[in-house]
C-alpha atoms as a PDB file:
ATOM      1  CA  UNK A   1      41.029 153.536 128.910  1.00  0.00           C
ATOM      2  CA  UNK A   2      43.424 150.890 127.490  1.00  0.00           C
ATOM      3  CA  UNK A   3      40.265 149.239 125.967  1.00  0.00           C
ATOM      4  CA  UNK A   4      39.326 152.437 124.508  1.00  0.00           C
ATOM      5  CA  UNK A   5      42.634 152.395 122.676  1.00  0.00           C
ATOM      6  CA  UNK A   6      42.604 149.111 121.384  1.00  0.00           C
ATOM      7  CA  UNK A   7      38.940 149.648 120.462  1.00  0.00           C
ATOM      8  CA  UNK A   8      40.267 152.778 118.529  1.00  0.00           C
ATOM      9  CA  UNK A   9      43.100 150.699 117.002  1.00  0.00           C
ATOM     10  CA  UNK A  10      40.993 147.832 115.778  1.00  0.00           C
ATOM     11  CA  UNK A  11      38.430 150.185 114.109  1.00  0.00           C
ATOM     12  CA  UNK A  12      41.340 152.016 112.338  1.00  0.00           C
ATOM     13  CA  UNK A  13      42.951 149.004 111.344  1.00  0.00           C
ATOM     14  CA  UNK A  14      39.529 147.455 109.810  1.00  0.00           C
ATOM     15  CA  UNK A  15      38.679 150.682 107.829  1.00  0.00           C
ATOM     16  CA  UNK A  16      42.496 150.866 106.586  1.00  0.00           C
ATOM     17  CA  UNK A  17      42.143 147.242 105.346  1.00  0.00           C
ATOM     18  CA  UNK A  18      38.719 147.760 103.693  1.00  0.00           C
ATOM     19  CA  UNK A  19      39.972 150.791 101.677  1.00  0.00           C
ATOM     20  CA  UNK A  20      43.033 148.464 100.751  1.00  0.00           C
ATOM     21  CA  UNK A  21      40.346 145.801  99.583  1.00  0.00           C
ATOM     22  CA  UNK A  22      38.427 148.151  97.420  1.00  0.00           C
ATOM     23  CA  UNK A  23      41.069 149.928  95.756  1.00  0.00           C
ATOM     24  CA  UNK A  24      42.998 146.822  94.648  1.00  0.00           C
ATOM     25  CA  UNK A  25      41.218 143.545  95.581  1.00  0.00           C
ATOM     26  CA  UNK A  26      38.724 141.731  93.474  1.00  0.00           C
ATOM     27  CA  UNK A  27      36.550 138.840  94.512  1.00  0.00           C
ATOM     28  CA  UNK A  28      34.075 137.477  97.464  1.00  0.00           C
ATOM     29  CA  UNK A  29      35.083 138.462 100.717  1.00  0.00           C
ATOM     30  CA  UNK A  30      35.514 135.558 103.789  1.00  0.00           C
ATOM     31  CA  UNK A  31      35.642 136.612 107.085  1.00  0.00           C
ATOM     32  CA  UNK A  32      38.932 134.333 107.810  1.00  0.00           C
ATOM     33  CA  UNK A  33      40.298 134.420 104.318  1.00  0.00           C
ATOM     34  CA  UNK A  34      39.762 137.919 103.216  1.00  0.00           C
ATOM     35  CA  UNK A  35      38.803 138.914  99.622  1.00  0.00           C
ATOM     36  CA  UNK A  36      39.376 136.322  97.024  1.00  0.00           C
ATOM     37  CA  UNK A  37      38.229 134.804  93.620  1.00  0.00           C
ATOM     38  CA  UNK A  38      40.060 131.692  93.253  1.00  0.00           C
ATOM     39  CA  UNK A  39      41.603 129.358  95.580  1.00  0.00           C
ATOM     40  CA  UNK A  40      43.478 126.119  94.243  1.00  0.00           C
ATOM     41  CA  UNK A  41      46.280 123.807  95.005  1.00  0.00           C
ATOM     42  CA  UNK A  42      48.985 123.818  92.401  1.00  0.00           C
ATOM     43  CA  UNK A  43      52.342 122.708  91.401  1.00  0.00           C
ATOM     44  CA  UNK A  44      54.921 123.880  88.879  1.00  0.00           C
ATOM     45  CA  UNK A  45      57.579 122.458  87.011  1.00  0.00           C
ATOM     46  CA  UNK A  46      60.190 124.684  88.602  1.00  0.00           C
ATOM     47  CA  UNK A  47      62.360 123.058  91.492  1.00  0.00           C
ATOM     48  CA  UNK A  48      61.261 125.412  94.377  1.00  0.00           C
ATOM     49  CA  UNK A  49      59.540 125.360  98.014  1.00  0.00           C
ATOM     50  CA  UNK A  50      56.073 123.275  97.854  1.00  0.00           C
ATOM     51  CA  UNK A  51      55.710 122.867  94.346  1.00  0.00           C
ATOM     52  CA  UNK A  52      57.580 126.217  93.202  1.00  0.00           C
ATOM     53  CA  UNK A  53      54.756 128.385  92.496  1.00  0.00           C
ATOM     54  CA  UNK A  54      56.230 131.465  93.824  1.00  0.00           C
ATOM     55  CA  UNK A  55      59.622 130.971  91.548  1.00  0.00           C
ATOM     56  CA  UNK A  56      57.431 130.249  88.548  1.00  0.00           C
ATOM     57  CA  UNK A  57      55.443 133.266  88.840  1.00  0.00           C
ATOM     58  CA  UNK A  58      58.291 135.333  89.293  1.00  0.00           C
ATOM     59  CA  UNK A  59      60.021 133.485  86.255  1.00  0.00           C
ATOM     60  CA  UNK A  60      57.127 134.229  84.368  1.00  0.00           C
ATOM     61  CA  UNK A  61      56.743 137.829  85.062  1.00  0.00           C
ATOM     62  CA  UNK A  62      60.385 138.651  84.178  1.00  0.00           C
ATOM     63  CA  UNK A  63      60.315 136.673  81.144  1.00  0.00           C
ATOM     64  CA  UNK A  64      57.055 138.464  79.861  1.00  0.00           C
ATOM     65  CA  UNK A  65      57.608 142.158  80.986  1.00  0.00           C
ATOM     66  CA  UNK A  66      54.895 141.835  83.473  1.00  0.00           C
ATOM     67  CA  UNK A  67      57.706 143.710  85.952  1.00  0.00           C
ATOM     68  CA  UNK A  68      60.960 144.714  85.431  1.00  0.00           C
ATOM     69  CA  UNK A  69      62.530 143.794  89.061  1.00  0.00           C
ATOM     70  CA  UNK A  70      61.354 141.678  91.736  1.00  0.00           C
ATOM     71  CA  UNK A  71      62.116 141.867  95.556  1.00  0.00           C
ATOM     72  CA  UNK A  72      62.961 138.755  97.028  1.00  0.00           C
ATOM     73  CA  UNK A  73      64.511 137.322 100.085  1.00  0.00           C
ATOM     74  CA  UNK A  74      67.753 135.429  99.470  1.00  0.00           C
ATOM     75  CA  UNK A  75      70.046 133.254 101.804  1.00  0.00           C
ATOM     76  CA  UNK A  76      73.250 134.948 102.585  1.00  0.00           C
ATOM     77  CA  UNK A  77      75.854 134.025 104.974  1.00  0.00           C
ATOM     78  CA  UNK A  78      75.170 130.797 106.968  1.00  0.00           C
ATOM     79  CA  UNK A  79      71.538 130.711 106.734  1.00  0.00           C
ATOM     80  CA  UNK A  80      70.784 134.217 107.124  1.00  0.00           C
ATOM     81  CA  UNK A  81      68.854 135.876 104.697  1.00  0.00           C
ATOM     82  CA  UNK A  82      68.207 139.612 103.376  1.00  0.00           C
ATOM     83  CA  UNK A  83      66.160 141.358 100.812  1.00  0.00           C
ATOM     84  CA  UNK A  84      67.622 141.624  97.302  1.00  0.00           C
ATOM     85  CA  UNK A  85      66.402 142.724  93.794  1.00  0.00           C
ATOM     86  CA  UNK A  86      66.120 140.307  91.120  1.00  0.00           C
ATOM     87  CA  UNK A  87      66.453 141.826  87.640  1.00  0.00           C
ATOM     88  CA  UNK A  88      66.465 138.479  85.663  1.00  0.00           C
ATOM     89  CA  UNK A  89      65.782 134.731  85.864  1.00  0.00           C
ATOM     90  CA  UNK A  90      69.057 133.729  87.469  1.00  0.00           C
ATOM     91  CA  UNK A  91      68.587 136.107  90.068  1.00  0.00           C
ATOM     92  CA  UNK A  92      65.193 134.908  90.716  1.00  0.00           C
ATOM     93  CA  UNK A  93      66.110 131.176  90.620  1.00  0.00           C
ATOM     94  CA  UNK A  94      68.851 131.826  93.354  1.00  0.00           C
ATOM     95  CA  UNK A  95      66.521 133.173  95.859  1.00  0.00           C
ATOM     96  CA  UNK A  96      64.290 129.920  95.807  1.00  0.00           C
ATOM     97  CA  UNK A  97      63.325 128.563  99.263  1.00  0.00           C
ATOM     98  CA  UNK A  98      61.416 130.192 102.482  1.00  0.00           C
ATOM     99  CA  UNK A  99      63.847 131.196 105.042  1.00  0.00           C
ATOM    100  CA  UNK A 100      61.276 131.917 107.766  1.00  0.00           C
ATOM    101  CA  UNK A 101      63.037 134.766 109.082  1.00  0.00           C
ATOM    102  CA  UNK A 102      61.286 138.203 109.200  1.00  0.00           C
ATOM    103  CA  UNK A 103      63.410 140.356 106.759  1.00  0.00           C
ATOM    104  CA  UNK A 104      62.174 144.000 105.834  1.00  0.00           C
ATOM    105  CA  UNK A 105      61.690 144.011 102.180  1.00  0.00           C
ATOM    106  CA  UNK A 106      59.513 147.176 101.758  1.00  0.00           C
ATOM    107  CA  UNK A 107      62.755 149.568 101.799  1.00  0.00           C
ATOM    108  CA  UNK A 108      63.721 148.038  98.395  1.00  0.00           C
ATOM    109  CA  UNK A 109      60.426 149.304  97.041  1.00  0.00           C
ATOM    110  CA  UNK A 110      60.984 152.815  97.881  1.00  0.00           C
ATOM    111  CA  UNK A 111      64.644 152.429  96.556  1.00  0.00           C
ATOM    112  CA  UNK A 112      63.415 150.823  92.939  1.00  0.00           C
ATOM    113  CA  UNK A 113      60.562 153.550  92.619  1.00  0.00           C
ATOM    114  CA  UNK A 114      63.233 156.230  93.271  1.00  0.00           C
ATOM    115  CA  UNK A 115      65.104 154.863  90.477  1.00  0.00           C
ATOM    116  CA  UNK A 116      62.187 155.179  88.137  1.00  0.00           C
ATOM    117  CA  UNK A 117      61.092 151.299  87.909  1.00  0.00           C
ATOM    118  CA  UNK A 118      57.318 151.389  87.114  1.00  0.00           C
ATOM    119  CA  UNK A 119      56.831 147.431  87.046  1.00  0.00           C
ATOM    120  CA  UNK A 120      57.626 145.907  90.653  1.00  0.00           C
ATOM    121  CA  UNK A 121      56.859 142.704  92.282  1.00  0.00           C
ATOM    122  CA  UNK A 122      57.550 142.064  95.929  1.00  0.00           C
ATOM    123  CA  UNK A 123      57.561 138.891  97.696  1.00  0.00           C
ATOM    124  CA  UNK A 124      56.801 139.049 101.515  1.00  0.00           C
ATOM    125  CA  UNK A 125      54.948 137.997 104.786  1.00  0.00           C
ATOM    126  CA  UNK A 126      51.480 139.247 105.830  1.00  0.00           C
ATOM    127  CA  UNK A 127      53.139 142.347 108.051  1.00  0.00           C
ATOM    128  CA  UNK A 128      55.272 143.524 105.188  1.00  0.00           C
ATOM    129  CA  UNK A 129      52.267 143.218 102.698  1.00  0.00           C
ATOM    130  CA  UNK A 130      50.452 146.013 104.688  1.00  0.00           C
ATOM    131  CA  UNK A 131      53.568 148.022 104.193  1.00  0.00           C
ATOM    132  CA  UNK A 132      53.950 147.503 100.537  1.00  0.00           C
ATOM    133  CA  UNK A 133      50.149 148.488 100.011  1.00  0.00           C
ATOM    134  CA  UNK A 134      50.692 151.768 102.034  1.00  0.00           C
ATOM    135  CA  UNK A 135      53.987 152.506  99.825  1.00  0.00           C
ATOM    136  CA  UNK A 136      51.958 151.455  96.609  1.00  0.00           C
ATOM    137  CA  UNK A 137      49.155 153.950  97.460  1.00  0.00           C
ATOM    138  CA  UNK A 138      51.555 156.583  98.045  1.00  0.00           C
ATOM    139  CA  UNK A 139      53.503 155.797  94.727  1.00  0.00           C
ATOM    140  CA  UNK A 140      49.833 155.876  92.771  1.00  0.00           C
ATOM    141  CA  UNK A 141      49.530 159.647  93.878  1.00  0.00           C
ATOM    142  CA  UNK A 142      52.927 160.406  92.794  1.00  0.00           C
ATOM    143  CA  UNK A 143      52.884 158.326  89.492  1.00  0.00           C
ATOM    144  CA  UNK A 144      49.728 156.848  87.537  1.00  0.00           C
ATOM    145  CA  UNK A 145      51.841 154.410  85.731  1.00  0.00           C
ATOM    146  CA  UNK A 146      53.469 152.910  88.709  1.00  0.00           C
ATOM    147  CA  UNK A 147      52.619 148.970  89.150  1.00  0.00           C
ATOM    148  CA  UNK A 148      53.438 146.913  92.230  1.00  0.00           C
ATOM    149  CA  UNK A 149      52.474 143.407  92.373  1.00  0.00           C
ATOM    150  CA  UNK A 150      52.694 141.611  95.630  1.00  0.00           C
ATOM    151  CA  UNK A 151      53.037 137.805  96.380  1.00  0.00           C
ATOM    152  CA  UNK A 152      52.079 137.169 100.082  1.00  0.00           C
ATOM    153  CA  UNK A 153      53.303 134.132 101.820  1.00  0.00           C
ATOM    154  CA  UNK A 154      51.234 132.443 104.419  1.00  0.00           C
ATOM    155  CA  UNK A 155      52.754 132.832 107.883  1.00  0.00           C
ATOM    156  CA  UNK A 156      52.131 131.727 111.281  1.00  0.00           C
ATOM    157  CA  UNK A 157      55.209 133.310 112.810  1.00  0.00           C
ATOM    158  CA  UNK A 158      59.001 134.608 111.837  1.00  0.00           C
ATOM    159  CA  UNK A 159      62.025 133.466 113.507  1.00  0.00           C
ATOM    160  CA  UNK A 160      64.742 135.547 115.060  1.00  0.00           C
ATOM    161  CA  UNK A 161      67.796 134.015 113.272  1.00  0.00           C
ATOM    162  CA  UNK A 162      70.124 134.039 116.336  1.00  0.00           C
ATOM    163  CA  UNK A 163      67.419 132.297 118.689  1.00  0.00           C
ATOM    164  CA  UNK A 164      66.629 130.079 116.274  1.00  0.00           C
ATOM    165  CA  UNK A 165      70.096 129.017 115.538  1.00  0.00           C
ATOM    166  CA  UNK A 166      70.600 128.327 119.078  1.00  0.00           C
ATOM    167  CA  UNK A 167      67.664 126.278 119.927  1.00  0.00           C
ATOM    168  CA  UNK A 168      67.870 124.244 116.934  1.00  0.00           C
ATOM    169  CA  UNK A 169      71.557 123.450 117.867  1.00  0.00           C
ATOM    170  CA  UNK A 170      69.945 122.656 121.326  1.00  0.00           C
ATOM    171  CA  UNK A 171      66.992 120.507 120.348  1.00  0.00           C
ATOM    172  CA  UNK A 172      68.331 118.655 117.056  1.00  0.00           C
ATOM    173  CA  UNK A 173      72.363 118.998 117.345  1.00  0.00           C
ATOM    174  CA  UNK A 174      72.436 120.690 114.112  1.00  0.00           C
ATOM    175  CA  UNK A 175      73.702 124.030 112.813  1.00  0.00           C
ATOM    176  CA  UNK A 176      71.167 125.687 110.641  1.00  0.00           C
ATOM    177  CA  UNK A 177      74.081 127.312 108.822  1.00  0.00           C
ATOM    178  CA  UNK A 178      74.614 124.125 107.127  1.00  0.00           C
ATOM    179  CA  UNK A 179      71.193 123.308 106.096  1.00  0.00           C
ATOM    180  CA  UNK A 180      70.605 122.571 102.800  1.00  0.00           C
ATOM    181  CA  UNK A 181      66.752 123.397 103.192  1.00  0.00           C
ATOM    182  CA  UNK A 182      64.512 124.093 106.066  1.00  0.00           C
ATOM    183  CA  UNK A 183      60.837 123.464 106.133  1.00  0.00           C
ATOM    184  CA  UNK A 184      57.356 123.898 108.132  1.00  0.00           C
ATOM    185  CA  UNK A 185      54.476 121.727 107.409  1.00  0.00           C
ATOM    186  CA  UNK A 186      51.907 120.286 109.558  1.00  0.00           C
ATOM    187  CA  UNK A 187      53.451 121.583 112.563  1.00  0.00           C
ATOM    188  CA  UNK A 188      56.920 120.348 112.028  1.00  0.00           C
ATOM    189  CA  UNK A 189      60.235 122.074 111.689  1.00  0.00           C
ATOM    190  CA  UNK A 190      62.316 120.118 109.463  1.00  0.00           C
ATOM    191  CA  UNK A 191      66.261 120.698 108.887  1.00  0.00           C
ATOM    192  CA  UNK A 192      67.931 119.126 105.651  1.00  0.00           C
ATOM    193  CA  UNK A 193      71.306 118.598 105.995  1.00  0.00           C
ATOM    194  CA  UNK A 194      74.168 116.149 104.888  1.00  0.00           C
ATOM    195  CA  UNK A 195      71.131 114.071 103.242  1.00  0.00           C
ATOM    196  CA  UNK A 196      69.508 113.758 106.463  1.00  0.00           C
ATOM    197  CA  UNK A 197      66.133 114.977 108.058  1.00  0.00           C
ATOM    198  CA  UNK A 198      66.236 116.441 111.731  1.00  0.00           C
ATOM    199  CA  UNK A 199      62.661 117.924 113.021  1.00  0.00           C
ATOM    200  CA  UNK A 200      60.738 118.907 115.799  1.00  0.00           C
ATOM    201  CA  UNK A 201      57.389 120.313 116.689  1.00  0.00           C
ATOM    202  CA  UNK A 202      57.215 124.098 115.508  1.00  0.00           C
ATOM    203  CA  UNK A 203      55.683 125.069 118.847  1.00  0.00           C
ATOM    204  CA  UNK A 204      58.724 123.950 120.922  1.00  0.00           C
ATOM    205  CA  UNK A 205      60.538 126.815 119.121  1.00  0.00           C
ATOM    206  CA  UNK A 206      58.348 129.532 120.818  1.00  0.00           C
ATOM    207  CA  UNK A 207      61.539 131.178 122.257  1.00  0.00           C
ATOM    208  CA  UNK A 208      62.942 131.845 118.963  1.00  0.00           C
ATOM    209  CA  UNK A 209      59.555 133.468 117.643  1.00  0.00           C
ATOM    210  CA  UNK A 210      59.862 137.584 117.033  1.00  0.00           C
ATOM    211  CA  UNK A 211      57.629 139.029 119.708  1.00  0.00           C
ATOM    212  CA  UNK A 212      55.810 141.216 117.499  1.00  0.00           C
ATOM    213  CA  UNK A 213      54.371 138.022 115.392  1.00  0.00           C
ATOM    214  CA  UNK A 214      51.996 137.321 118.493  1.00  0.00           C
ATOM    215  CA  UNK A 215      50.177 140.528 117.534  1.00  0.00           C
ATOM    216  CA  UNK A 216      49.781 139.899 113.719  1.00  0.00           C
ATOM    217  CA  UNK A 217      46.127 138.506 112.995  1.00  0.00           C
ATOM    218  CA  UNK A 218      46.776 137.893 109.280  1.00  0.00           C
ATOM    219  CA  UNK A 219      47.748 134.312 108.106  1.00  0.00           C
ATOM    220  CA  UNK A 220      47.093 134.025 104.449  1.00  0.00           C
ATOM    221  CA  UNK A 221      48.284 137.440 103.636  1.00  0.00           C
ATOM    222  CA  UNK A 222      44.886 138.871 103.118  1.00  0.00           C
ATOM    223  CA  UNK A 223      45.836 141.956 101.284  1.00  0.00           C
ATOM    224  CA  UNK A 224      48.202 140.651  98.453  1.00  0.00           C
ATOM    225  CA  UNK A 225      47.239 140.032  94.962  1.00  0.00           C
ATOM    226  CA  UNK A 226      48.267 136.237  95.214  1.00  0.00           C
ATOM    227  CA  UNK A 227      48.900 134.663  98.615  1.00  0.00           C
ATOM    228  CA  UNK A 228      51.090 131.427  98.525  1.00  0.00           C
ATOM    229  CA  UNK A 229      51.577 128.877 101.321  1.00  0.00           C
ATOM    230  CA  UNK A 230      51.832 125.083 102.205  1.00  0.00           C
ATOM    231  CA  UNK A 231      48.715 124.794 104.189  1.00  0.00           C
ATOM    232  CA  UNK A 232      46.103 123.407 102.523  1.00  0.00           C
ATOM    233  CA  UNK A 233      47.833 121.043 100.060  1.00  0.00           C
ATOM    234  CA  UNK A 234      49.652 117.833  99.780  1.00  0.00           C
ATOM    235  CA  UNK A 235      53.152 117.665  99.973  1.00  0.00           C
ATOM    236  CA  UNK A 236      55.194 119.067  96.867  1.00  0.00           C
ATOM    237  CA  UNK A 237      52.178 121.413  96.287  1.00  0.00           C
ATOM    238  CA  UNK A 238      51.613 125.042  97.146  1.00  0.00           C
ATOM    239  CA  UNK A 239      47.801 126.579  97.984  1.00  0.00           C
ATOM    240  CA  UNK A 240      47.231 129.807  95.865  1.00  0.00           C
ATOM    241  CA  UNK A 241      44.763 132.304  96.662  1.00  0.00           C
ATOM    242  CA  UNK A 242      44.166 134.814  93.764  1.00  0.00           C
ATOM    243  CA  UNK A 243      42.937 138.149  94.973  1.00  0.00           C
ATOM    244  CA  UNK A 244      43.041 140.758  92.146  1.00  0.00           C
ATOM    245  CA  UNK A 245      43.261 141.416  88.503  1.00  0.00           C
ATOM    246  CA  UNK A 246      46.935 141.607  89.059  1.00  0.00           C
ATOM    247  CA  UNK A 247      47.077 138.206  90.359  1.00  0.00           C
ATOM    248  CA  UNK A 248      45.012 136.624  87.332  1.00  0.00           C
ATOM    249  CA  UNK A 249      47.769 138.340  85.043  1.00  0.00           C
ATOM    250  CA  UNK A 250      50.525 136.499  86.618  1.00  0.00           C
ATOM    251  CA  UNK A 251      48.828 133.184  86.745  1.00  0.00           C
ATOM    252  CA  UNK A 252      47.440 133.584  83.115  1.00  0.00           C
ATOM    253  CA  UNK A 253      48.787 130.445  80.744  1.00  0.00           C
ATOM    254  CA  UNK A 254      51.261 129.645  83.672  1.00  0.00           C
ATOM    255  CA  UNK A 255      51.951 125.816  83.169  1.00  0.00           C
ATOM    256  CA  UNK A 256      50.864 124.136  86.327  1.00  0.00           C
ATOM    257  CA  UNK A 257      48.960 121.185  87.702  1.00  0.00           C
ATOM    258  CA  UNK A 258      46.144 122.141  89.873  1.00  0.00           C
ATOM    259  CA  UNK A 259      44.314 120.124  92.339  1.00  0.00           C
ATOM    260  CA  UNK A 260      41.453 121.032  94.915  1.00  0.00           C
ATOM    261  CA  UNK A 261      43.033 122.472  98.184  1.00  0.00           C
ATOM    262  CA  UNK A 262      41.824 122.101 101.721  1.00  0.00           C
ATOM    263  CA  UNK A 263      40.206 125.588 102.304  1.00  0.00           C
ATOM    264  CA  UNK A 264      39.062 124.562 105.919  1.00  0.00           C
ATOM    265  CA  UNK A 265      42.572 123.916 106.834  1.00  0.00           C
ATOM    266  CA  UNK A 266      43.426 127.239 105.968  1.00  0.00           C
ATOM    267  CA  UNK A 267      40.649 128.906 107.726  1.00  0.00           C
ATOM    268  CA  UNK A 268      41.386 127.007 110.744  1.00  0.00           C
ATOM    269  CA  UNK A 269      44.697 128.323 111.086  1.00  0.00           C
ATOM    270  CA  UNK A 270      43.835 131.862 110.107  1.00  0.00           C
ATOM    271  CA  UNK A 271      41.422 131.726 113.246  1.00  0.00           C
ATOM    272  CA  UNK A 272      43.907 130.495 115.269  1.00  0.00           C
ATOM    273  CA  UNK A 273      46.165 133.299 114.575  1.00  0.00           C
ATOM    274  CA  UNK A 274      43.380 135.729 114.807  1.00  0.00           C
ATOM    275  CA  UNK A 275      42.729 134.454 118.306  1.00  0.00           C
ATOM    276  CA  UNK A 276      46.359 134.620 119.480  1.00  0.00           C
ATOM    277  CA  UNK A 277      46.702 138.237 118.441  1.00  0.00           C
ATOM    278  CA  UNK A 278      43.400 138.812 120.621  1.00  0.00           C
ATOM    279  CA  UNK A 279      44.620 137.441 123.529  1.00  0.00           C
ATOM    280  CA  UNK A 280      48.370 138.916 123.158  1.00  0.00           C
ATOM    281  CA  UNK A 281      46.684 142.457 123.114  1.00  0.00           C
ATOM    282  CA  UNK A 282      44.348 141.372 125.719  1.00  0.00           C
ATOM    283  CA  UNK A 283      47.276 140.473 127.783  1.00  0.00           C
ATOM    284  CA  UNK A 284      49.159 143.481 126.975  1.00  0.00           C
ATOM    285  CA  UNK A 285      46.252 145.679 128.140  1.00  0.00           C
ATOM    286  CA  UNK A 286      46.015 144.149 131.790  1.00  0.00           C
ATOM    287  CA  UNK A 287      46.706 146.894 134.395  1.00  0.00           C
ATOM    288  CA  UNK A 288      50.063 145.897 136.430  1.00  0.00           C
ATOM    289  CA  UNK A 289      50.041 145.525 140.067  1.00  0.00           C
ATOM    290  CA  UNK A 290      52.885 146.779 142.617  1.00  0.00           C
END
């Protein structure tokens, strides 16, 4: 019976994803990468995470009126973070850098729509991208001129703030609340603080990973308009996957340096996350014995 429920869920999920792809995305579909029309490595002139591409896209969008507001994640007390609305370039710049925590951003999308905002950008991880598309479809039914542009971030897993703080203190002897920057690249979790770098393997931080992440099969934010992440690019660059006309519009005339990205590296991690999700579902469905 559990297998039947799992199969029904997978079929429902696949059908829902296909509908979103047909409605919003444009390009060729890859089994692991999803629908896309361009894929490359890039670096902007903005001082941001891994080439500052997300920040550069948001700044351009605000300046050119592509959107009125952007929903971003900003560092708050310590290294904790929360979703905020950026209405100008200064707000965007204040939210630079990846936080690596799961932050619910989609409630802000409903709030902005209720306030009458018609052109909204949202930056989020794959699980939130799906929720954002669901909201977008509802908004479109109620208003034909509602525009939502989704920037998705590559994500293997997100961390629980409290548990990560404890793990980093134990393993590295540093307080992440005092970190200037946190970065994940090539399987290493690095904390930059007091002019020094402290790092450990990402897999050693498993106790701090949000439990729901093990059931997510989307690494590259397959349903976003543009997906961005470090995997597949050299240090200081970001991999960019363009998936829609909205994504093309944001990139048009953007001043960036471009290189070829390592597509196979992205596919490798996408497969790994899919396989991990399948194993997690299979383990969850195993009957318990007493």
